[in-house]
Amino acid sequence: MTTVKTGALIAALLTVAAPAAFAAHMETVQAPPKTIVGTIQPNQFRASKMIGMDVYGMYNQQIGSVQDLVLNRNGTVAAVVFSANGKNVALPLNDFTANNNRLTLLHISKQQMNGAAEYHLQNNNTGAGTTGSPLHGGQLGSGR
């Protein structure tokens, strides 16, 4: 008989505790993340529009076009990679000014690009730069 009473007591406790446990679970659901509200500013530009943009030197000579942007994990642009004399060259974003859908290097000429070091978009030692783009079916960091 005590087994039946114990079973009934456990069933009663579970019936009373279940809504409280459900409510406690509901309280742990997090609010949506804060997002940036607004519109792109005149001193900002989109990476998707920047790739392929023409790059001009300080004497208005076309040097090449943007091949890629390299980002740091904190979201800042580590380098703008562009073609110059048949090789990829990387410079900091601060060396460029954007106007009329093209990028201009304020203090660098086309001739100065002849001696520029080549920048490699893939590192064979670490695998950096070989990950497939999430936009093209790969997962960021997955190597697919």
N, C-alpha and C. Protein backbone atom coordinates (compact mmCIF):
# COMPACT_ATOMS: atom_id res chain seq x y z
N MET A 1 0.81 -1.18 0.00
CA MET A 1 0.00 0.00 0.00
C MET A 1 0.86 1.24 0.00
N THR A 2 1.98 1.21 0.71
CA THR A 2 2.85 2.38 0.74
C THR A 2 3.46 2.63 -0.62
N THR A 3 3.65 1.58 -1.42
CA THR A 3 4.16 1.76 -2.77
C THR A 3 3.17 2.54 -3.61
N VAL A 4 1.90 2.26 -3.47
CA VAL A 4 0.87 2.97 -4.23
C VAL A 4 0.84 4.43 -3.78
N LYS A 5 0.92 4.67 -2.48
CA LYS A 5 0.92 6.04 -1.97
C LYS A 5 2.15 6.79 -2.44
N THR A 6 3.31 6.15 -2.43
CA THR A 6 4.54 6.77 -2.88
C THR A 6 4.44 7.11 -4.36
N GLY A 7 3.91 6.17 -5.14
CA GLY A 7 3.74 6.40 -6.57
C GLY A 7 2.78 7.56 -6.84
N ALA A 8 1.71 7.61 -6.09
CA ALA A 8 0.73 8.70 -6.25
C ALA A 8 1.36 10.03 -5.86
N LEU A 9 2.15 10.02 -4.82
CA LEU A 9 2.83 11.25 -4.37
C LEU A 9 3.81 11.74 -5.42
N ILE A 10 4.57 10.85 -6.01
CA ILE A 10 5.53 11.22 -7.07
C ILE A 10 4.79 11.76 -8.27
N ALA A 11 3.70 11.11 -8.66
CA ALA A 11 2.90 11.58 -9.80
C ALA A 11 2.35 12.97 -9.52
N ALA A 12 1.89 13.20 -8.32
CA ALA A 12 1.35 14.53 -7.96
C ALA A 12 2.44 15.58 -7.99
N LEU A 13 3.62 15.25 -7.49
CA LEU A 13 4.74 16.20 -7.50
C LEU A 13 5.18 16.52 -8.92
N LEU A 14 5.23 15.52 -9.79
CA LEU A 14 5.60 15.75 -11.18
C LEU A 14 4.58 16.62 -11.88
N THR A 15 3.32 16.43 -11.59
CA THR A 15 2.26 17.23 -12.20
C THR A 15 2.39 18.68 -11.78
N VAL A 16 2.73 18.91 -10.52
CA VAL A 16 2.89 20.29 -10.02
C VAL A 16 4.21 20.88 -10.52
N ALA A 17 5.27 20.11 -10.59
CA ALA A 17 6.60 20.62 -10.94
C ALA A 17 6.76 20.83 -12.44
N ALA A 18 6.05 20.11 -13.28
CA ALA A 18 6.23 20.20 -14.73
C ALA A 18 6.00 21.61 -15.25
N PRO A 19 4.90 22.29 -14.90
CA PRO A 19 4.73 23.66 -15.40
C PRO A 19 5.84 24.60 -14.90
N ALA A 20 6.30 24.41 -13.68
CA ALA A 20 7.37 25.27 -13.15
C ALA A 20 8.67 25.03 -13.92
N ALA A 21 8.97 23.78 -14.22
CA ALA A 21 10.18 23.47 -14.99
C ALA A 21 10.08 24.04 -16.39
N PHE A 22 8.91 23.95 -17.01
CA PHE A 22 8.70 24.52 -18.34
C PHE A 22 8.88 26.04 -18.31
N ALA A 23 8.32 26.68 -17.28
CA ALA A 23 8.45 28.14 -17.15
C ALA A 23 9.90 28.53 -16.95
N ALA A 24 10.64 27.75 -16.16
CA ALA A 24 12.06 28.05 -15.94
C ALA A 24 12.82 27.92 -17.25
N HIS A 25 12.47 26.94 -18.08
CA HIS A 25 13.11 26.78 -19.38
C HIS A 25 12.82 27.98 -20.28
N MET A 26 11.60 28.44 -20.25
CA MET A 26 11.19 29.57 -21.09
C MET A 26 11.95 30.84 -20.71
N GLU A 27 12.30 30.98 -19.45
CA GLU A 27 13.03 32.17 -19.01
C GLU A 27 14.46 32.20 -19.53
N THR A 28 15.02 31.05 -19.89
CA THR A 28 16.40 31.01 -20.36
C THR A 28 16.52 31.31 -21.85
N VAL A 29 15.41 31.42 -22.56
CA VAL A 29 15.45 31.76 -23.98
C VAL A 29 15.97 33.18 -24.11
N GLN A 30 16.99 33.35 -24.92
CA GLN A 30 17.64 34.66 -25.04
C GLN A 30 16.92 35.54 -26.03
N ALA A 31 17.04 36.83 -25.81
CA ALA A 31 16.47 37.82 -26.72
C ALA A 31 17.27 37.83 -28.02
N PRO A 32 16.66 38.28 -29.10
CA PRO A 32 17.41 38.36 -30.37
C PRO A 32 18.60 39.30 -30.23
N PRO A 33 19.64 39.08 -31.02
CA PRO A 33 20.83 39.94 -30.91
C PRO A 33 20.52 41.36 -31.35
N LYS A 34 21.26 42.30 -30.79
CA LYS A 34 21.13 43.68 -31.23
C LYS A 34 21.75 43.79 -32.61
N THR A 35 21.07 44.42 -33.51
CA THR A 35 21.57 44.59 -34.87
C THR A 35 21.84 46.06 -35.13
N ILE A 36 22.61 46.31 -36.15
CA ILE A 36 22.91 47.69 -36.53
C ILE A 36 21.76 48.22 -37.35
N VAL A 37 21.20 49.30 -36.91
CA VAL A 37 20.07 49.90 -37.61
C VAL A 37 20.59 51.14 -38.34
N GLY A 38 20.22 51.30 -39.57
CA GLY A 38 20.64 52.49 -40.30
C GLY A 38 20.87 52.21 -41.76
N THR A 39 21.69 53.06 -42.34
CA THR A 39 22.00 53.01 -43.76
C THR A 39 23.50 53.16 -43.93
N ILE A 40 24.03 52.57 -44.97
CA ILE A 40 25.46 52.70 -45.27
C ILE A 40 25.83 54.18 -45.38
N GLN A 41 26.98 54.51 -44.85
CA GLN A 41 27.43 55.90 -44.79
C GLN A 41 28.36 56.23 -45.96
N PRO A 42 28.54 57.53 -46.26
CA PRO A 42 29.40 57.92 -47.39
C PRO A 42 30.85 57.44 -47.26
N ASN A 43 31.34 57.26 -46.04
CA ASN A 43 32.72 56.81 -45.85
C ASN A 43 32.83 55.29 -45.74
N GLN A 44 31.76 54.57 -46.08
CA GLN A 44 31.75 53.11 -46.05
C GLN A 44 31.46 52.58 -47.44
N PHE A 45 31.88 51.34 -47.70
CA PHE A 45 31.54 50.70 -48.96
C PHE A 45 31.42 49.21 -48.74
N ARG A 46 30.70 48.55 -49.61
CA ARG A 46 30.42 47.13 -49.49
C ARG A 46 31.53 46.30 -50.13
N ALA A 47 31.92 45.23 -49.45
CA ALA A 47 32.96 44.35 -49.98
C ALA A 47 32.55 43.76 -51.31
N SER A 48 31.28 43.39 -51.46
CA SER A 48 30.83 42.78 -52.71
C SER A 48 30.95 43.73 -53.88
N LYS A 49 30.86 45.03 -53.63
CA LYS A 49 31.01 46.02 -54.70
C LYS A 49 32.48 46.39 -54.91
N MET A 50 33.29 46.22 -53.87
CA MET A 50 34.70 46.59 -53.95
C MET A 50 35.50 45.59 -54.78
N ILE A 51 35.16 44.30 -54.65
CA ILE A 51 35.88 43.28 -55.41
C ILE A 51 35.57 43.48 -56.89
N GLY A 52 36.62 43.63 -57.68
CA GLY A 52 36.48 43.90 -59.11
C GLY A 52 36.62 45.37 -59.46
N MET A 53 36.61 46.26 -58.44
CA MET A 53 36.78 47.68 -58.72
C MET A 53 38.16 47.96 -59.31
N ASP A 54 38.22 48.93 -60.18
CA ASP A 54 39.51 49.34 -60.74
C ASP A 54 40.32 50.08 -59.69
N VAL A 55 41.62 49.88 -59.73
CA VAL A 55 42.55 50.57 -58.84
C VAL A 55 43.40 51.50 -59.70
N TYR A 56 43.46 52.76 -59.30
CA TYR A 56 44.24 53.76 -60.02
C TYR A 56 45.34 54.29 -59.12
N GLY A 57 46.44 54.68 -59.74
CA GLY A 57 47.55 55.28 -59.01
C GLY A 57 47.36 56.79 -58.89
N MET A 58 48.32 57.43 -58.26
CA MET A 58 48.19 58.86 -57.98
C MET A 58 48.22 59.73 -59.24
N TYR A 59 48.65 59.20 -60.36
CA TYR A 59 48.66 59.98 -61.61
C TYR A 59 47.52 59.55 -62.53
N ASN A 60 46.47 58.97 -61.93
CA ASN A 60 45.27 58.58 -62.66
C ASN A 60 45.54 57.48 -63.69
N GLN A 61 46.53 56.65 -63.45
CA GLN A 61 46.83 55.51 -64.32
C GLN A 61 46.23 54.26 -63.69
N GLN A 62 45.53 53.47 -64.50
CA GLN A 62 44.96 52.25 -63.96
C GLN A 62 46.08 51.26 -63.65
N ILE A 63 46.03 50.73 -62.42
CA ILE A 63 47.04 49.78 -61.97
C ILE A 63 46.52 48.36 -62.10
N GLY A 64 45.27 48.14 -61.76
CA GLY A 64 44.70 46.80 -61.78
C GLY A 64 43.29 46.83 -61.23
N SER A 65 42.88 45.72 -60.63
CA SER A 65 41.55 45.66 -60.03
C SER A 65 41.62 44.84 -58.75
N VAL A 66 40.68 45.11 -57.84
CA VAL A 66 40.64 44.43 -56.55
C VAL A 66 40.30 42.97 -56.76
N GLN A 67 41.11 42.10 -56.20
CA GLN A 67 40.90 40.65 -56.29
C GLN A 67 40.17 40.13 -55.06
N ASP A 68 40.52 40.67 -53.88
CA ASP A 68 39.94 40.15 -52.64
C ASP A 68 40.20 41.11 -51.49
N LEU A 69 39.49 40.88 -50.41
CA LEU A 69 39.72 41.59 -49.15
C LEU A 69 40.06 40.53 -48.11
N VAL A 70 41.07 40.79 -47.31
CA VAL A 70 41.46 39.87 -46.25
C VAL A 70 41.01 40.51 -44.94
N LEU A 71 40.21 39.76 -44.17
CA LEU A 71 39.64 40.28 -42.93
C LEU A 71 40.31 39.66 -41.73
N ASN A 72 40.47 40.46 -40.68
CA ASN A 72 40.90 39.93 -39.39
C ASN A 72 39.69 39.34 -38.70
N ARG A 73 39.91 38.53 -37.68
CA ARG A 73 38.79 37.90 -36.95
C ARG A 73 37.91 38.94 -36.27
N ASN A 74 38.43 40.13 -36.00
CA ASN A 74 37.60 41.16 -35.37
C ASN A 74 36.79 41.95 -36.39
N GLY A 75 36.90 41.58 -37.67
CA GLY A 75 36.08 42.20 -38.70
C GLY A 75 36.74 43.36 -39.43
N THR A 76 37.92 43.75 -39.04
CA THR A 76 38.60 44.82 -39.74
C THR A 76 39.28 44.29 -40.99
N VAL A 77 39.47 45.17 -41.97
CA VAL A 77 40.13 44.78 -43.21
C VAL A 77 41.64 44.78 -42.98
N ALA A 78 42.24 43.62 -43.09
CA ALA A 78 43.69 43.49 -42.91
C ALA A 78 44.43 43.93 -44.16
N ALA A 79 43.84 43.67 -45.34
CA ALA A 79 44.52 44.01 -46.60
C ALA A 79 43.52 44.05 -47.74
N VAL A 80 43.79 44.95 -48.67
CA VAL A 80 43.09 44.98 -49.95
C VAL A 80 44.05 44.36 -50.95
N VAL A 81 43.66 43.25 -51.56
CA VAL A 81 44.52 42.55 -52.51
C VAL A 81 44.06 42.91 -53.91
N PHE A 82 44.98 43.40 -54.72
CA PHE A 82 44.64 43.80 -56.09
C PHE A 82 45.72 43.33 -57.04
N SER A 83 45.33 43.20 -58.30
CA SER A 83 46.28 42.79 -59.32
C SER A 83 47.12 44.00 -59.71
N ALA A 84 48.40 43.77 -59.92
CA ALA A 84 49.31 44.83 -60.36
C ALA A 84 50.46 44.18 -61.09
N ASN A 85 50.60 44.49 -62.36
CA ASN A 85 51.69 43.94 -63.16
C ASN A 85 51.72 42.42 -63.15
N GLY A 86 50.54 41.79 -63.21
CA GLY A 86 50.45 40.34 -63.30
C GLY A 86 50.62 39.60 -62.00
N LYS A 87 50.62 40.27 -60.87
CA LYS A 87 50.73 39.60 -59.58
C LYS A 87 49.78 40.27 -58.59
N ASN A 88 49.48 39.55 -57.52
CA ASN A 88 48.65 40.12 -56.47
C ASN A 88 49.53 40.92 -55.52
N VAL A 89 49.03 42.10 -55.16
CA VAL A 89 49.72 43.00 -54.23
C VAL A 89 48.71 43.35 -53.15
N ALA A 90 49.16 43.48 -51.92
CA ALA A 90 48.27 43.84 -50.82
C ALA A 90 48.72 45.14 -50.16
N LEU A 91 47.76 45.99 -49.90
CA LEU A 91 48.02 47.25 -49.20
C LEU A 91 46.92 47.45 -48.16
N PRO A 92 47.21 48.24 -47.13
CA PRO A 92 46.18 48.54 -46.14
C PRO A 92 45.05 49.38 -46.76
N LEU A 93 43.86 49.20 -46.25
CA LEU A 93 42.70 49.94 -46.74
C LEU A 93 42.90 51.45 -46.64
N ASN A 94 43.63 51.89 -45.64
CA ASN A 94 43.86 53.33 -45.44
C ASN A 94 44.66 53.98 -46.56
N ASP A 95 45.33 53.18 -47.39
CA ASP A 95 46.09 53.74 -48.52
C ASP A 95 45.20 54.11 -49.70
N PHE A 96 43.92 53.73 -49.64
CA PHE A 96 42.99 53.95 -50.75
C PHE A 96 41.98 55.03 -50.42
N THR A 97 41.51 55.68 -51.46
CA THR A 97 40.33 56.52 -51.36
C THR A 97 39.35 56.02 -52.42
N ALA A 98 38.08 56.06 -52.10
CA ALA A 98 37.06 55.56 -53.04
C ALA A 98 36.28 56.73 -53.60
N ASN A 99 36.16 56.73 -54.93
CA ASN A 99 35.33 57.74 -55.58
C ASN A 99 34.98 57.25 -56.98
N ASN A 100 33.79 57.61 -57.43
CA ASN A 100 33.34 57.27 -58.78
C ASN A 100 33.51 55.78 -59.10
N ASN A 101 33.17 54.91 -58.16
CA ASN A 101 33.24 53.47 -58.35
C ASN A 101 34.63 52.97 -58.72
N ARG A 102 35.63 53.60 -58.18
CA ARG A 102 36.99 53.10 -58.35
C ARG A 102 37.80 53.49 -57.12
N LEU A 103 38.88 52.80 -56.95
CA LEU A 103 39.77 53.06 -55.82
C LEU A 103 41.03 53.74 -56.32
N THR A 104 41.48 54.72 -55.59
CA THR A 104 42.69 55.44 -55.97
C THR A 104 43.71 55.34 -54.84
N LEU A 105 44.94 55.05 -55.21
CA LEU A 105 46.05 55.06 -54.26
C LEU A 105 46.61 56.47 -54.25
N LEU A 106 46.49 57.15 -53.15
CA LEU A 106 46.84 58.57 -53.09
C LEU A 106 48.32 58.85 -53.24
N HIS A 107 49.16 57.94 -52.76
CA HIS A 107 50.60 58.23 -52.73
C HIS A 107 51.43 57.18 -53.46
N ILE A 108 50.81 56.42 -54.37
CA ILE A 108 51.53 55.35 -55.05
C ILE A 108 51.23 55.44 -56.55
N SER A 109 52.28 55.30 -57.34
CA SER A 109 52.10 55.33 -58.79
C SER A 109 52.15 53.91 -59.37
N LYS A 110 51.76 53.80 -60.62
CA LYS A 110 51.81 52.50 -61.30
C LYS A 110 53.25 52.00 -61.37
N GLN A 111 54.20 52.89 -61.62
CA GLN A 111 55.60 52.50 -61.71
C GLN A 111 56.13 51.94 -60.38
N GLN A 112 55.65 52.48 -59.27
CA GLN A 112 56.11 51.99 -57.97
C GLN A 112 55.63 50.57 -57.70
N MET A 113 54.59 50.14 -58.37
CA MET A 113 54.06 48.79 -58.19
C MET A 113 54.98 47.74 -58.81
N ASN A 114 55.90 48.14 -59.69
CA ASN A 114 56.82 47.18 -60.31
C ASN A 114 57.64 46.43 -59.27
N GLY A 115 58.06 47.11 -58.24
CA GLY A 115 58.90 46.47 -57.22
C GLY A 115 58.13 45.94 -56.03
N ALA A 116 56.79 45.97 -56.08
CA ALA A 116 55.99 45.52 -54.94
C ALA A 116 56.09 44.01 -54.76
N ALA A 117 56.09 43.60 -53.51
CA ALA A 117 56.13 42.17 -53.19
C ALA A 117 54.79 41.52 -53.52
N GLU A 118 54.85 40.26 -53.95
CA GLU A 118 53.63 39.53 -54.27
C GLU A 118 52.95 39.06 -53.00
N TYR A 119 51.63 39.12 -52.99
CA TYR A 119 50.83 38.65 -51.86
C TYR A 119 50.13 37.36 -52.28
N HIS A 120 50.23 36.33 -51.44
CA HIS A 120 49.62 35.03 -51.74
C HIS A 120 48.32 34.89 -50.96
N LEU A 121 47.25 34.57 -51.66
CA LEU A 121 45.94 34.43 -51.04
C LEU A 121 45.73 33.05 -50.41
N GLN A 122 46.72 32.18 -50.52
CA GLN A 122 46.65 30.87 -49.86
C GLN A 122 47.99 30.60 -49.20
N ASN A 123 47.94 29.98 -48.02
CA ASN A 123 49.14 29.62 -47.30
C ASN A 123 49.20 28.09 -47.24
N ASN A 124 50.10 27.50 -48.00
CA ASN A 124 50.20 26.05 -48.07
C ASN A 124 50.63 25.42 -46.76
N ASN A 125 51.33 26.17 -45.91
CA ASN A 125 51.80 25.63 -44.62
C ASN A 125 50.68 25.51 -43.61
N THR A 126 49.74 26.46 -43.62
CA THR A 126 48.68 26.47 -42.61
C THR A 126 47.31 26.13 -43.17
N GLY A 127 47.15 26.20 -44.48
CA GLY A 127 45.84 25.98 -45.08
C GLY A 127 44.98 27.23 -45.12
N ALA A 128 45.48 28.33 -44.58
CA ALA A 128 44.71 29.58 -44.60
C ALA A 128 44.42 29.99 -46.04
N GLY A 129 43.21 30.43 -46.26
CA GLY A 129 42.81 30.88 -47.58
C GLY A 129 42.29 29.79 -48.49
N THR A 130 42.23 28.55 -48.00
CA THR A 130 41.76 27.45 -48.84
C THR A 130 40.34 27.03 -48.51
N THR A 131 39.77 27.57 -47.43
CA THR A 131 38.42 27.20 -47.02
C THR A 131 37.40 27.67 -48.03
N GLY A 132 36.44 26.82 -48.35
CA GLY A 132 35.37 27.20 -49.25
C GLY A 132 34.49 28.27 -48.65
N SER A 133 33.96 29.10 -49.49
CA SER A 133 33.10 30.18 -49.04
C SER A 133 31.75 29.65 -48.61
N PRO A 134 31.20 30.14 -47.47
CA PRO A 134 29.85 29.75 -47.08
C PRO A 134 28.82 30.10 -48.16
N LEU A 135 29.12 31.13 -48.96
CA LEU A 135 28.20 31.53 -50.01
C LEU A 135 28.14 30.50 -51.12
N HIS A 136 29.16 29.68 -51.23
CA HIS A 136 29.23 28.70 -52.31
C HIS A 136 29.12 27.27 -51.78
N GLY A 137 28.51 27.11 -50.63
CA GLY A 137 28.21 25.78 -50.11
C GLY A 137 29.16 25.27 -49.05
N GLY A 138 30.30 25.90 -48.85
CA GLY A 138 31.20 25.45 -47.80
C GLY A 138 30.85 26.11 -46.50
N GLN A 139 31.29 25.51 -45.41
CA GLN A 139 31.09 26.11 -44.10
C GLN A 139 32.35 26.83 -43.72
N LEU A 140 32.23 28.04 -43.18
CA LEU A 140 33.39 28.81 -42.77
C LEU A 140 34.21 27.98 -41.79
N GLY A 141 35.47 27.77 -42.11
CA GLY A 141 36.35 27.00 -41.25
C GLY A 141 36.26 25.49 -41.43
N SER A 142 35.44 25.02 -42.36
CA SER A 142 35.25 23.59 -42.52
C SER A 142 36.24 22.95 -43.49
N GLY A 143 36.85 23.77 -44.34
CA GLY A 143 37.74 23.21 -45.36
C GLY A 143 36.99 22.67 -46.55
N ARG A 144 35.65 22.83 -46.56
CA ARG A 144 34.85 22.35 -47.70
C ARG A 144 34.60 23.45 -48.67
